[in-house]
């Protein structure tokens, strides 16, 4: 197992321990079997760095990942055009994280609104319920942000997305 404890984000190079030795790799140059067993230590336990798994349980090679991403981007552009939504000129892989966070924040928001509505109509609600399902804190924990201010941007984008779609919280 390659246990990563530091990532040079500008050069996309994870650093950590592999077979007891300190190693640094360029992600694009890492063989797929090594990527499959790469984990990161964020102080809360080990987490897999491989989000997408391809054939035979291995990470997709760079060219396959680029092909899949290009196809998904093309489908997203078609859907956006049909819905009257303007997409950015350049879509990045990191944009997937933003999109996921925007939609991920909607679920706890709906739960909190439902509880508040029930409380006003004679039901009961507890402060702990609000803290557990607080959209900001939930998304912050899942994305690993240190500051709620970083995560707050996602809630703003969620409100914009729901206004365009005509949906409420």
Protein backbone atom coordinates (compact mmCIF):
# COMPACT_ATOMS: atom_id res chain seq x y z
CA UNK A 1 0.00 0.00 0.00
CA UNK A 2 1.25 3.49 -0.90
CA UNK A 3 0.27 5.74 2.03
CA UNK A 4 0.26 9.38 0.90
CA UNK A 5 0.79 12.04 3.53
CA UNK A 6 1.49 15.06 1.30
CA UNK A 7 0.43 16.20 -2.18
CA UNK A 8 2.22 18.83 -4.24
CA UNK A 9 -0.93 20.22 -5.87
CA UNK A 10 0.86 22.44 -8.38
CA UNK A 11 2.85 19.54 -9.85
CA UNK A 12 0.24 16.83 -9.01
CA UNK A 13 2.75 14.69 -7.15
CA UNK A 14 1.72 12.65 -4.09
CA UNK A 15 4.43 11.83 -1.55
CA UNK A 16 4.38 9.15 1.11
CA UNK A 17 5.57 5.70 2.16
CA UNK A 18 5.69 2.67 -0.11
CA UNK A 19 7.27 -0.54 1.21
CA UNK A 20 8.85 1.42 4.07
CA UNK A 21 10.57 3.97 1.79
CA UNK A 22 9.70 7.64 1.20
CA UNK A 23 8.54 8.04 -2.43
CA UNK A 24 7.19 10.80 -4.67
CA UNK A 25 5.30 10.04 -7.90
CA UNK A 26 3.78 12.04 -10.73
CA UNK A 27 0.19 10.78 -10.83
CA UNK A 28 0.19 10.54 -14.64
CA UNK A 29 3.28 8.31 -14.47
CA UNK A 30 1.99 5.98 -11.74
CA UNK A 31 1.25 2.46 -12.96
CA UNK A 32 -2.45 1.51 -12.60
CA UNK A 33 -1.77 -1.27 -10.04
CA UNK A 34 0.00 1.28 -7.79
CA UNK A 35 -2.83 3.81 -8.16
CA UNK A 36 -5.30 1.09 -7.10
CA UNK A 37 -3.55 0.65 -3.73
CA UNK A 38 -2.84 4.35 -3.09
CA UNK A 39 -4.47 5.79 0.02
CA UNK A 40 -4.17 9.13 1.78
CA UNK A 41 -3.71 9.71 5.49
CA UNK A 42 -5.64 12.81 6.56
CA UNK A 43 -5.42 12.12 10.27
CA UNK A 44 -8.91 10.54 10.37
CA UNK A 45 -7.83 7.18 9.00
CA UNK A 46 -6.81 6.03 5.55
CA UNK A 47 -8.99 6.97 2.58
CA UNK A 48 -8.65 5.62 -0.97
CA UNK A 49 -7.35 8.13 -3.50
CA UNK A 50 -8.86 6.18 -6.40
CA UNK A 51 -12.37 7.47 -6.89
CA UNK A 52 -12.96 5.78 -10.23
CA UNK A 53 -12.13 2.16 -10.90
CA UNK A 54 -11.85 0.71 -14.38
CA UNK A 55 -11.40 -2.75 -15.85
CA UNK A 56 -10.10 -5.49 -13.55
CA UNK A 57 -10.46 -3.22 -10.50
CA UNK A 58 -7.66 -0.91 -11.61
CA UNK A 59 -7.61 2.85 -12.03
CA UNK A 60 -8.40 3.89 -15.61
CA UNK A 61 -5.33 4.84 -17.61
CA UNK A 62 -4.95 8.53 -18.39
CA UNK A 63 -6.14 8.25 -22.01
CA UNK A 64 -9.28 6.29 -21.00
CA UNK A 65 -10.11 8.77 -18.26
CA UNK A 66 -9.76 11.65 -20.74
CA UNK A 67 -12.04 9.82 -23.19
CA UNK A 68 -14.72 9.19 -20.54
CA UNK A 69 -14.53 12.78 -19.32
CA UNK A 70 -14.78 14.16 -22.89
CA UNK A 71 -17.87 12.02 -23.57
CA UNK A 72 -19.50 13.09 -20.28
CA UNK A 73 -18.72 16.74 -21.01
CA UNK A 74 -20.31 16.42 -24.44
CA UNK A 75 -23.49 14.89 -22.96
CA UNK A 76 -23.59 17.61 -20.28
CA UNK A 77 -23.29 20.34 -22.94
CA UNK A 78 -26.19 18.83 -24.90
CA UNK A 79 -28.37 18.63 -21.77
CA UNK A 80 -27.43 22.17 -20.72
CA UNK A 81 -28.25 23.54 -24.16
CA UNK A 82 -31.65 21.81 -24.12
CA UNK A 83 -32.33 23.27 -20.64
CA UNK A 84 -31.16 26.75 -21.58
CA UNK A 85 -28.21 26.66 -19.18
CA UNK A 86 -24.86 28.14 -20.21
CA UNK A 87 -21.89 25.93 -19.34
CA UNK A 88 -18.38 27.30 -18.86
CA UNK A 89 -16.10 27.20 -21.90
CA UNK A 90 -13.71 24.85 -20.14
CA UNK A 91 -14.95 22.08 -17.86
CA UNK A 92 -12.43 20.68 -15.38
CA UNK A 93 -12.48 17.42 -13.46
CA UNK A 94 -12.61 19.47 -10.25
CA UNK A 95 -15.94 20.87 -11.48
CA UNK A 96 -17.41 17.43 -10.78
CA UNK A 97 -16.55 17.92 -7.11
CA UNK A 98 -18.32 21.29 -7.12
CA UNK A 99 -21.42 19.86 -8.81
CA UNK A 100 -21.56 16.96 -6.37
CA UNK A 101 -21.24 19.34 -3.41
CA UNK A 102 -24.01 21.59 -4.70
CA UNK A 103 -26.49 18.73 -5.01
CA UNK A 104 -25.23 17.04 -1.84
CA UNK A 105 -26.12 20.14 0.19
CA UNK A 106 -29.75 20.07 -0.98
CA UNK A 107 -30.74 16.91 0.91
CA UNK A 108 -29.91 18.06 4.46
CA UNK A 109 -31.42 21.46 3.63
CA UNK A 110 -34.73 19.80 2.74
CA UNK A 111 -34.66 17.78 5.97
CA UNK A 112 -34.05 20.87 8.11
CA UNK A 113 -36.85 22.79 6.33
CA UNK A 114 -39.23 19.83 6.82
CA UNK A 115 -38.37 19.70 10.54
CA UNK A 116 -38.83 23.45 10.94
CA UNK A 117 -42.22 23.28 9.22
CA UNK A 118 -43.26 20.42 11.53
CA UNK A 119 -42.11 22.33 14.59
CA UNK A 120 -44.16 25.38 13.64
CA UNK A 121 -47.19 23.14 13.17
CA UNK A 122 -46.89 21.68 16.65
CA UNK A 123 -44.19 19.04 16.07
CA UNK A 124 -40.89 18.99 17.91
CA UNK A 125 -37.37 19.48 16.70
CA UNK A 126 -34.04 19.36 18.43
CA UNK A 127 -30.92 21.48 18.12
CA UNK A 128 -28.86 18.31 17.66
CA UNK A 129 -30.90 17.48 14.55
CA UNK A 130 -30.02 20.83 13.04
CA UNK A 131 -26.34 20.38 13.79
CA UNK A 132 -26.20 16.86 12.41
CA UNK A 133 -27.95 17.76 9.16
CA UNK A 134 -26.67 21.32 8.78
CA UNK A 135 -25.96 21.53 5.03
CA UNK A 136 -22.85 23.62 5.51
CA UNK A 137 -21.31 21.33 8.13
CA UNK A 138 -22.32 18.16 6.28
CA UNK A 139 -20.70 19.20 3.01
CA UNK A 140 -17.70 20.64 4.87
CA UNK A 141 -17.04 17.30 6.58
CA UNK A 142 -17.50 15.27 3.39
CA UNK A 143 -15.20 17.47 1.32
CA UNK A 144 -12.59 17.83 4.04
CA UNK A 145 -12.65 21.64 4.12
CA UNK A 146 -11.05 23.22 7.16
CA UNK A 147 -13.13 26.37 7.04
CA UNK A 148 -16.92 26.69 6.68
CA UNK A 149 -16.24 29.77 4.53
CA UNK A 150 -14.78 27.53 1.81
CA UNK A 151 -17.88 25.37 1.83
CA UNK A 152 -20.30 28.30 1.94
CA UNK A 153 -19.71 28.93 -1.77
CA UNK A 154 -21.43 25.62 -2.56
CA UNK A 155 -24.60 26.68 -0.75
CA UNK A 156 -24.70 29.89 -2.78
CA UNK A 157 -24.39 27.89 -6.02
CA UNK A 158 -27.12 25.48 -4.85
CA UNK A 159 -29.51 28.38 -4.40
CA UNK A 160 -28.69 29.60 -7.92
CA UNK A 161 -29.17 26.09 -9.36
CA UNK A 162 -32.56 25.66 -7.70
CA UNK A 163 -33.69 29.11 -8.85
CA UNK A 164 -32.86 28.17 -12.46
CA UNK A 165 -34.64 24.80 -12.13
CA UNK A 166 -37.60 26.40 -10.34
CA UNK A 167 -37.23 24.12 -7.30
CA UNK A 168 -37.45 25.11 -3.68
CA UNK A 169 -35.06 24.02 -0.89
